Protein backbone atom coordinates (compact mmCIF):
# COMPACT_ATOMS: atom_id res chain seq x y z
CA MET A 1 159.39 -46.34 163.64
CA LYS A 2 156.48 -44.01 162.84
CA GLN A 3 155.66 -41.09 165.10
CA THR A 4 151.93 -41.40 165.57
CA PRO A 5 149.37 -39.88 167.99
CA VAL A 6 148.72 -43.32 169.49
CA ASP A 7 151.88 -45.08 170.71
CA TYR A 8 152.81 -47.32 167.81
CA GLN A 9 154.09 -50.30 169.80
CA THR A 10 151.09 -50.30 172.12
CA ALA A 11 148.64 -50.10 169.24
CA ALA A 12 150.41 -52.89 167.35
CA ARG A 13 150.34 -55.09 170.46
CA VAL A 14 146.63 -54.51 171.11
CA ILE A 15 145.72 -55.15 167.48
CA ARG A 16 147.72 -58.42 167.49
CA SER A 17 146.05 -59.52 170.71
CA TYR A 18 142.69 -59.77 168.96
CA GLY A 19 144.04 -62.47 166.66
CA LEU A 20 142.38 -61.13 163.54
CA PRO A 21 143.79 -62.93 160.48
CA ASP A 22 142.28 -60.25 158.21
CA PHE A 23 141.95 -56.86 159.87
CA GLY A 24 139.68 -55.73 157.03
CA ARG A 25 137.08 -58.17 158.33
CA ALA A 26 137.07 -56.74 161.87
CA THR A 27 133.52 -56.16 163.05
CA ILE A 28 132.09 -52.93 164.42
CA ARG A 29 132.20 -54.33 167.95
CA GLU A 30 135.82 -55.44 167.56
CA MET A 31 136.81 -51.96 166.39
CA VAL A 32 135.01 -50.41 169.35
CA ALA A 33 136.82 -52.78 171.71
CA ILE A 34 140.24 -52.06 170.17
CA SER A 35 139.82 -48.28 170.17
CA THR A 36 138.36 -48.24 173.69
CA GLN A 37 141.21 -50.37 175.04
CA LEU A 38 143.79 -48.09 173.40
CA GLU A 39 142.14 -45.02 174.86
CA LYS A 40 142.45 -46.53 178.32
CA GLU A 41 146.02 -47.77 177.90
CA THR A 42 147.48 -44.70 176.19
CA GLY A 43 145.24 -41.86 177.40
CA THR A 44 144.84 -40.74 173.78
CA GLU A 45 141.40 -39.56 172.73
CA PHE A 46 139.95 -41.42 169.77
CA ILE A 47 137.75 -39.95 167.07
CA HIS A 48 135.08 -42.65 167.00
CA MET A 49 133.44 -43.14 163.62
CA GLU A 50 132.85 -46.90 163.76
CA MET A 51 129.54 -47.17 165.60
CA GLY A 52 126.22 -46.12 164.08
CA VAL A 53 124.76 -45.00 167.41
CA PRO A 54 122.64 -41.83 167.66
CA GLY A 55 124.57 -38.93 169.11
CA LEU A 56 121.65 -36.56 169.75
CA LYS A 57 119.19 -36.26 172.63
CA PRO A 58 116.07 -38.43 172.40
CA ALA A 59 112.88 -36.72 171.29
CA GLN A 60 111.34 -35.19 174.40
CA ILE A 61 107.83 -35.94 173.15
CA GLY A 62 108.62 -39.63 173.33
CA VAL A 63 110.29 -39.41 176.72
CA ASP A 64 107.32 -37.57 178.24
CA ALA A 65 104.79 -40.02 176.80
CA GLU A 66 106.75 -43.01 178.04
CA ILE A 67 107.13 -41.58 181.53
CA GLU A 68 103.40 -40.93 181.68
CA ALA A 69 102.69 -44.47 180.52
CA LEU A 70 105.02 -45.96 183.12
CA GLN A 71 103.51 -43.87 185.88
CA SER A 72 100.08 -45.19 184.89
CA GLY A 73 101.27 -48.72 185.72
CA ILE A 74 101.47 -50.31 182.28
CA ALA A 75 104.91 -51.82 183.08
CA ALA A 76 103.02 -54.55 184.96
CA ILE A 77 100.96 -55.52 181.92
CA TYR A 78 102.05 -57.60 178.95
CA PRO A 79 101.59 -55.63 175.72
CA ASN A 80 99.12 -56.95 173.16
CA ILE A 81 101.22 -59.01 170.71
CA ASN A 82 99.47 -57.22 167.81
CA GLY A 83 100.60 -53.88 169.19
CA LEU A 84 99.12 -50.90 170.98
CA GLU A 85 96.07 -49.71 169.06
CA ALA A 86 97.13 -46.06 169.27
CA LEU A 87 100.57 -46.91 167.85
CA LYS A 88 99.11 -48.95 165.00
CA ASN A 89 96.79 -46.09 164.08
CA GLU A 90 99.52 -43.45 164.27
CA ALA A 91 102.00 -45.58 162.36
CA SER A 92 99.51 -45.94 159.51
CA ARG A 93 98.89 -42.18 159.54
CA PHE A 94 102.64 -41.41 159.68
CA ILE A 95 103.23 -43.56 156.60
CA ARG A 96 100.47 -41.73 154.73
CA ALA A 97 101.92 -38.38 155.85
CA PHE A 98 105.56 -38.98 154.92
CA VAL A 99 105.65 -41.89 152.43
CA HIS A 100 102.33 -41.19 150.67
CA ALA A 101 101.40 -44.86 150.93
CA ASP A 102 98.47 -46.62 152.57
CA VAL A 103 99.24 -49.34 155.09
CA PRO A 104 96.20 -50.19 157.27
CA PRO A 105 96.69 -49.98 161.06
CA GLU A 106 96.15 -53.74 161.30
CA CYS A 107 99.29 -54.24 159.19
CA CYS A 108 101.57 -51.96 161.28
CA VAL A 109 103.32 -54.22 163.76
CA PRO A 110 105.48 -52.96 166.67
CA VAL A 111 108.90 -54.63 166.83
CA ALA A 112 111.92 -54.34 169.10
CA GLY A 113 113.71 -52.08 166.62
CA SER A 114 114.37 -52.80 162.97
CA MET A 115 116.89 -55.47 163.99
CA GLN A 116 114.03 -57.64 165.23
CA GLY A 117 111.80 -56.47 162.39
CA THR A 118 114.22 -57.62 159.70
CA TYR A 119 114.99 -60.88 161.52
CA ALA A 120 111.29 -61.75 161.73
CA SER A 121 110.84 -60.67 158.11
CA PHE A 122 113.71 -62.81 156.83
CA LEU A 123 112.48 -65.79 158.84
CA THR A 124 108.88 -65.55 157.63
CA CYS A 125 109.72 -64.76 154.00
CA GLY A 126 112.00 -67.78 153.82
CA GLN A 127 109.18 -70.10 154.91
CA CYS A 128 106.58 -69.06 152.32
CA HIS A 129 107.78 -71.16 149.36
CA PRO A 130 109.84 -74.36 149.81
CA GLU A 131 111.85 -73.58 146.67
CA LYS A 132 112.64 -69.98 147.73
CA ASP A 133 115.34 -70.25 150.35
CA THR A 134 117.58 -67.26 149.54
CA ILE A 135 117.52 -63.58 150.58
CA LEU A 136 118.94 -61.14 148.02
CA PHE A 137 120.88 -58.15 149.35
CA ILE A 138 121.28 -55.01 147.28
CA ASP A 139 124.64 -54.09 148.78
CA PRO A 140 126.48 -52.49 150.43
CA GLY A 141 124.38 -53.06 153.52
CA PHE A 142 124.16 -53.39 157.27
CA PRO A 143 126.62 -56.19 158.22
CA VAL A 144 124.49 -57.65 161.02
CA GLN A 145 121.65 -58.51 158.64
CA LYS A 146 123.85 -61.14 157.02
CA GLN A 147 124.70 -62.40 160.48
CA GLN A 148 120.95 -62.82 161.02
CA ILE A 149 120.78 -64.93 157.86
CA ALA A 150 123.66 -67.07 159.14
CA VAL A 151 121.97 -67.54 162.52
CA MET A 152 118.77 -68.86 160.92
CA GLY A 153 120.66 -71.04 158.43
CA TYR A 154 119.32 -69.40 155.28
CA ARG A 155 121.21 -68.64 152.10
CA TYR A 156 121.83 -65.20 150.71
CA ALA A 157 122.94 -63.67 147.43
CA SER A 158 124.12 -60.13 146.83
CA PHE A 159 125.44 -57.59 144.37
CA ASP A 160 127.11 -54.22 144.83
CA VAL A 161 124.86 -51.55 143.32
CA TYR A 162 127.84 -49.17 142.89
CA ASP A 163 128.22 -49.90 139.17
CA CYS A 164 124.57 -50.55 138.30
CA ARG A 165 122.60 -47.47 139.22
CA GLY A 166 119.75 -46.12 137.12
CA ASP A 167 119.04 -47.98 133.88
CA LYS A 168 121.84 -50.45 134.67
CA LEU A 169 119.91 -51.86 137.65
CA ARG A 170 117.29 -53.93 135.78
CA PRO A 171 119.68 -56.16 133.78
CA VAL A 172 121.61 -56.96 136.99
CA LEU A 173 118.60 -57.49 139.28
CA GLU A 174 116.33 -59.49 136.96
CA PRO A 175 118.58 -62.58 136.59
CA PHE A 176 118.64 -62.97 140.38
CA LEU A 177 114.85 -62.78 140.71
CA SER A 178 114.07 -64.87 137.62
CA ALA A 179 116.15 -67.79 138.98
CA GLY A 180 113.19 -68.71 141.21
CA ASN A 181 115.02 -69.14 144.53
CA ILE A 182 114.78 -65.60 145.91
CA ALA A 183 112.28 -65.24 148.76
CA ALA A 184 112.91 -61.56 149.46
CA VAL A 185 115.12 -58.66 148.44
CA VAL A 186 116.43 -56.20 151.02
CA TYR A 187 118.15 -52.81 150.92
CA SER A 188 118.38 -49.65 153.01
CA ASN A 189 117.34 -46.22 151.76
CA PRO A 190 119.20 -43.95 152.53
CA ASN A 191 121.91 -46.55 152.30
CA ASN A 192 124.05 -47.80 155.15
CA PRO A 193 127.02 -47.35 154.58
CA GLY A 194 127.14 -45.40 151.31
CA TRP A 195 124.37 -42.90 152.10
CA PHE A 196 123.26 -42.92 148.48
CA CYS A 197 119.50 -42.88 147.95
CA LEU A 198 117.77 -45.11 145.45
CA THR A 199 115.66 -42.98 143.12
CA GLU A 200 111.97 -43.30 142.30
CA SER A 201 112.86 -44.89 138.95
CA GLU A 202 115.16 -47.43 140.62
CA LEU A 203 112.52 -48.27 143.22
CA LYS A 204 110.00 -48.69 140.41
CA THR A 205 112.35 -51.19 138.78
CA ILE A 206 112.68 -53.13 142.04
CA GLY A 207 108.92 -53.07 142.62
CA GLU A 208 108.01 -54.16 139.10
CA LEU A 209 110.50 -57.03 139.03
CA ALA A 210 109.51 -58.18 142.54
CA ALA A 211 105.87 -58.26 141.47
CA ARG A 212 106.71 -60.15 138.26
CA TYR A 213 108.66 -62.85 140.07
CA ASP A 214 106.56 -62.93 143.28
CA VAL A 215 109.35 -61.72 145.56
CA ILE A 216 108.78 -59.78 148.80
CA VAL A 217 110.65 -56.48 149.17
CA ILE A 218 112.03 -55.58 152.61
CA GLU A 219 112.79 -51.86 152.65
CA ASP A 220 114.93 -50.80 155.60
CA LEU A 221 114.07 -47.17 156.39
CA ALA A 222 116.30 -46.90 159.45
CA TYR A 223 117.32 -43.39 158.33
CA PHE A 224 113.81 -42.27 157.52
CA ALA A 225 113.56 -38.93 155.64
CA MET A 226 117.27 -38.20 156.23
CA ASP A 227 118.06 -37.29 152.61
CA PHE A 228 118.69 -33.69 153.59
CA ARG A 229 118.88 -32.53 149.98
CA LYS A 230 115.08 -32.56 149.94
CA PRO A 231 112.52 -30.96 152.31
CA LEU A 232 111.01 -34.24 153.49
CA GLY A 233 109.72 -33.07 156.87
CA THR A 234 106.31 -31.60 156.00
CA PRO A 235 103.45 -34.05 156.60
CA PHE A 236 101.00 -34.83 153.79
CA GLN A 237 102.93 -32.70 151.31
CA PRO A 238 105.49 -33.70 148.66
CA PRO A 239 108.31 -34.47 148.43
CA TYR A 240 107.85 -37.74 150.30
CA GLN A 241 110.28 -40.36 151.50
CA ALA A 242 110.96 -42.44 148.37
CA SER A 243 109.64 -45.97 148.82
CA VAL A 244 108.97 -49.16 146.90
CA ALA A 245 105.52 -49.10 148.52
CA ASN A 246 104.38 -47.00 145.56
CA PHE A 247 105.43 -49.65 143.03
CA THR A 248 104.50 -53.07 144.42
CA ASP A 249 101.97 -54.54 146.84
CA LEU A 250 104.34 -57.14 148.32
CA TYR A 251 106.55 -55.25 150.77
CA ILE A 252 107.55 -54.74 154.39
CA LEU A 253 108.74 -51.31 155.49
CA GLN A 254 111.05 -51.27 158.50
CA ILE A 255 110.56 -47.93 160.27
CA SER A 256 112.75 -47.40 163.31
CA ALA A 257 112.69 -44.83 166.10
CA SER A 258 116.42 -45.23 166.69
CA LYS A 259 117.91 -42.67 164.29
CA ALA A 260 115.06 -40.44 163.10
CA PHE A 261 113.81 -39.88 166.65
CA SER A 262 117.11 -40.60 168.50
CA TYR A 263 115.25 -43.23 170.49
CA ALA A 264 117.60 -46.18 170.01
CA GLY A 265 117.85 -47.25 173.65
CA GLN A 266 114.20 -48.27 173.95
CA ARG A 267 114.37 -50.70 170.97
CA ILE A 268 111.15 -49.74 169.24
CA GLY A 269 110.09 -49.65 165.62
CA VAL A 270 107.34 -50.75 163.28
CA ALA A 271 107.24 -53.37 160.54
CA ALA A 272 104.63 -52.08 158.10
CA ILE A 273 103.40 -55.00 155.99
CA SER A 274 101.48 -54.25 152.82
CA ASP A 275 97.77 -55.09 152.98
CA ARG A 276 98.00 -57.75 150.26
CA LEU A 277 101.02 -59.45 151.82
CA TYR A 278 99.55 -59.34 155.34
CA HIS A 279 96.40 -61.18 154.25
CA ARG A 280 98.04 -63.60 151.81
CA SER A 281 98.27 -67.30 152.58
CA TYR A 282 101.31 -69.30 151.50
CA GLU A 283 101.69 -73.03 151.01
CA GLY A 284 104.88 -73.14 153.07
CA LEU A 285 103.34 -71.31 156.02
CA THR A 286 100.21 -73.49 155.96
CA ARG A 287 102.31 -76.65 155.89
CA ARG A 288 104.49 -75.46 158.78
CA TYR A 289 101.90 -73.82 161.03
CA GLY A 290 98.62 -75.38 159.95
CA GLY A 291 97.19 -72.16 158.59
CA GLY A 292 97.31 -68.42 158.92
CA THR A 293 98.27 -65.56 156.64
CA PHE A 294 101.68 -63.95 156.28
CA GLY A 295 100.70 -61.23 158.78
CA THR A 296 99.21 -63.52 161.41
CA VAL A 297 102.16 -65.91 161.18
CA TYR A 298 104.57 -62.97 161.42
CA ILE A 299 102.89 -61.77 164.63
CA HIS A 300 101.42 -64.81 166.37
CA ARG A 301 104.07 -67.35 165.48
CA VAL A 302 107.38 -65.63 164.78
CA LEU A 303 107.29 -62.48 166.94
CA TYR A 304 105.53 -64.34 169.73
CA ALA A 305 108.31 -66.93 169.75
CA LEU A 306 111.04 -64.28 169.60
CA SER A 307 109.95 -61.87 172.31
CA SER A 308 106.23 -62.06 173.05
CA GLY A 309 105.90 -58.46 171.93
CA THR A 310 107.97 -55.37 172.49
CA SER A 311 108.31 -52.82 175.29
CA HIS A 312 104.87 -51.63 176.37
CA SER A 313 105.95 -48.15 177.45
CA ALA A 314 108.09 -47.57 174.33
CA GLN A 315 105.02 -48.17 172.19
CA TYR A 316 103.36 -45.18 173.88
CA ALA A 317 106.47 -43.13 173.15
CA LEU A 318 106.53 -44.02 169.46
CA ALA A 319 102.80 -43.41 169.10
CA ALA A 320 103.25 -39.92 170.54
CA MET A 321 106.20 -39.13 168.26
CA PHE A 322 104.37 -40.39 165.17
CA LYS A 323 101.30 -38.34 166.08
CA ALA A 324 103.24 -35.14 166.75
CA ALA A 325 105.14 -35.52 163.46
CA SER A 326 101.96 -36.14 161.46
CA ASP A 327 100.24 -33.22 163.20
CA GLY A 328 103.12 -30.95 162.14
CA ARG A 329 104.08 -30.23 165.76
CA PHE A 330 107.35 -32.17 165.69
CA ASP A 331 109.83 -31.41 162.91
CA PHE A 332 111.91 -34.53 163.41
CA VAL A 333 113.88 -33.98 160.20
CA SER A 334 115.25 -30.65 161.44
CA GLU A 335 116.13 -32.31 164.73
CA VAL A 336 118.54 -34.74 163.03
CA ARG A 337 119.87 -32.41 160.32
CA GLU A 338 122.93 -31.96 162.55
CA TYR A 339 124.26 -35.24 161.13
CA GLY A 340 124.29 -33.75 157.64
CA ASP A 341 126.12 -30.65 158.84
CA ARG A 342 128.74 -32.83 160.51
CA ALA A 343 129.18 -35.00 157.42
CA ALA A 344 129.74 -31.98 155.14
CA ARG A 345 132.45 -30.64 157.44
CA LEU A 346 134.13 -34.02 157.97
CA LYS A 347 134.15 -34.86 154.27
CA ARG A 348 135.86 -31.56 153.47
CA ILE A 349 138.59 -32.32 156.00
CA PHE A 350 139.24 -35.81 154.63
CA VAL A 351 139.21 -34.67 151.00
CA ASN A 352 141.58 -31.80 151.80
CA HIS A 353 144.07 -34.37 153.10
CA GLY A 354 144.14 -36.63 150.06
CA PHE A 355 141.14 -38.88 150.68
CA ARG A 356 138.27 -39.39 148.29
CA ILE A 357 134.60 -40.17 148.83
CA VAL A 358 133.88 -43.70 147.58
CA TYR A 359 130.11 -43.59 147.08
CA ASP A 360 130.09 -40.00 145.87
CA TYR A 361 127.13 -39.60 143.51
CA ASP A 362 123.46 -40.50 143.16
CA LEU A 363 123.58 -40.87 139.39
CA ASP A 364 124.39 -37.27 138.33
CA GLU A 365 123.72 -35.66 141.73
CA PRO A 366 126.32 -35.38 144.52
CA ILE A 367 125.64 -37.72 147.41
CA ALA A 368 123.71 -36.34 150.37
CA ASP A 369 125.42 -35.43 153.63
CA GLY A 370 124.09 -37.53 156.48
CA PHE A 371 124.68 -40.15 159.14
CA TYR A 372 127.40 -42.01 157.19
CA PHE A 373 129.93 -41.33 154.46
CA THR A 374 132.62 -43.44 152.80
CA ILE A 375 136.32 -42.69 152.34
CA ALA A 376 139.34 -44.19 150.61
CA TYR A 377 143.03 -43.30 150.39
CA PRO A 378 145.22 -43.79 147.30
CA GLY A 379 147.19 -47.03 147.27
CA MET A 380 145.52 -48.54 150.35
CA THR A 381 142.99 -51.31 150.73
CA GLY A 382 140.16 -50.70 153.15
CA GLY A 383 141.70 -53.13 155.65
CA ARG A 384 145.07 -51.46 155.62
CA LEU A 385 143.55 -47.98 155.86
CA MET A 386 141.38 -49.03 158.81
CA GLU A 387 144.44 -50.38 160.64
CA GLU A 388 146.65 -47.40 159.79
CA LEU A 389 144.08 -44.91 161.08
CA VAL A 390 144.01 -46.68 164.45
CA TYR A 391 147.57 -45.41 165.04
CA TYR A 392 146.23 -41.90 164.49
CA GLY A 393 143.37 -42.31 166.94
CA ILE A 394 140.67 -42.59 164.27
CA SER A 395 138.39 -45.62 164.14
CA ALA A 396 136.05 -46.65 161.32
CA ILE A 397 135.05 -49.93 159.66
CA SER A 398 136.04 -51.43 156.34
CA LEU A 399 133.51 -51.43 153.51
CA ARG A 400 134.29 -55.14 153.07
CA THR A 401 132.20 -55.87 156.16
CA THR A 402 129.21 -54.31 154.39
CA ASN A 403 129.74 -56.59 151.36
CA SER A 404 130.84 -53.67 149.24
CA ARG A 405 133.18 -54.51 146.37
CA GLN A 406 134.87 -51.12 146.79
CA GLU A 407 138.00 -50.47 148.85
CA GLY A 408 137.51 -47.97 151.65
CA LEU A 409 135.89 -47.28 155.01
CA ARG A 410 132.51 -46.36 156.42
CA ALA A 411 132.63 -43.37 158.75
CA CYS A 412 129.78 -42.38 161.05
CA THR A 413 129.12 -38.79 162.12
CA SER A 414 127.10 -39.46 165.25
CA PHE A 415 129.83 -39.33 167.94
CA ILE A 416 131.79 -36.35 166.59
CA LYS A 417 132.32 -33.64 169.21
CA PRO A 418 132.83 -29.94 168.35
CA HIS A 419 136.51 -29.90 169.34
CA GLN A 420 137.32 -32.97 167.24
CA TYR A 421 137.25 -31.23 163.86
CA GLU A 422 140.50 -29.45 164.72
CA LEU A 423 141.88 -32.67 166.19
CA LEU A 424 141.02 -34.52 162.98
CA GLU A 425 142.77 -31.84 160.92
CA GLU A 426 145.95 -32.27 162.98
CA ARG A 427 145.94 -36.05 162.79
CA LEU A 428 145.19 -36.24 159.07
CA THR A 429 147.93 -33.70 158.38
CA LEU A 430 150.39 -36.06 160.08
CA PHE A 431 148.84 -39.08 158.36
CA GLN A 432 149.22 -37.46 154.95
CA ALA A 433 152.84 -36.55 155.70
CA ASN A 434 153.59 -40.15 156.70
CA HIS A 435 151.75 -41.54 153.66
CA PRO A 436 152.66 -39.32 150.71
CA VAL A 437 150.86 -40.08 147.46
CA GLU A 438 153.19 -40.62 144.53
């Protein structure tokens, strides 16, 4: 029997108790439950890299603004379903400052985090054209977004962009869009889980093809400006956050406060709908709702049915953070650069113990260090590696859950504590000794 940091028999029993026929398909929440239970039963500290939860303090500017708003009594008042005017104005200005794109305040819609923003976007996009009933994912991607598609009963298609970067993207993407059934295409940039960043030329390809085939682009910017290879934190000056907004006029940008501002607990973000899309009427929406444009249906039909708006006080917080960032008083990029520093150190440790980085390059440039990175070990599938690392008190999720075609794991840097680098070294040294590479 193996000598492992976590008692082998206990870990095997707990894993079996979850009744998972394919451990490689275990969800984030299941991995959290397993690792948390083992911590309690064995007293062994886990190195948690499964959950993509911010591990930094929330932006004080937002906290102060929200407290002030609550003290003024706004908790007793329903928020305007269209959104707080100050937030809409500052969101529009923030997008000009850091994306170099123009989205009118009217088209900047507060949502309860990008989770709600993407759900409402999928739902509305899928109702525009009767013949367009499929969402296309440029994968790997955030697993819960496909769960959203399953909940609403839509179809989805996907492809792993790993082998079709750069000039190889167009011949893979175009057949999907030309088929005529794709309502919207979605991706994250920087990518969750691979942390690669689609380039301006790749975004141009996506934008041009989406315009040609009348497909809406949903760009998930959950990790806004967190490509730390570039100085993206200066407002109204290049370089800017790369975005499809510069290459098509049919898009929705999902901008979240959760990671960039470490404000995840208040569930606040903005869905920025392009001016043309916001004011466009669609046959499917008219037939279903009796009228309205994409933007008014999105707000007054879909969001109203989902939640009747989002947290009133959190809208004040986000407005204040957007304003301070655009004014140049709040360097939010420097605030979260810690994630990149952690990733660089963690990746070195894994590589030094026989692992490799799966998504390792952006074309000819090494991948950025950031919130996530991906690892693989010779001779192991992602599912087996995920299970084996549990016995060493290390928890991560399989890339299979992100619809990646690659074997390996997604590791998150957010919960790493200073003393755990040495702990990781010790555990991976033992892991490597127990799993020699031939």
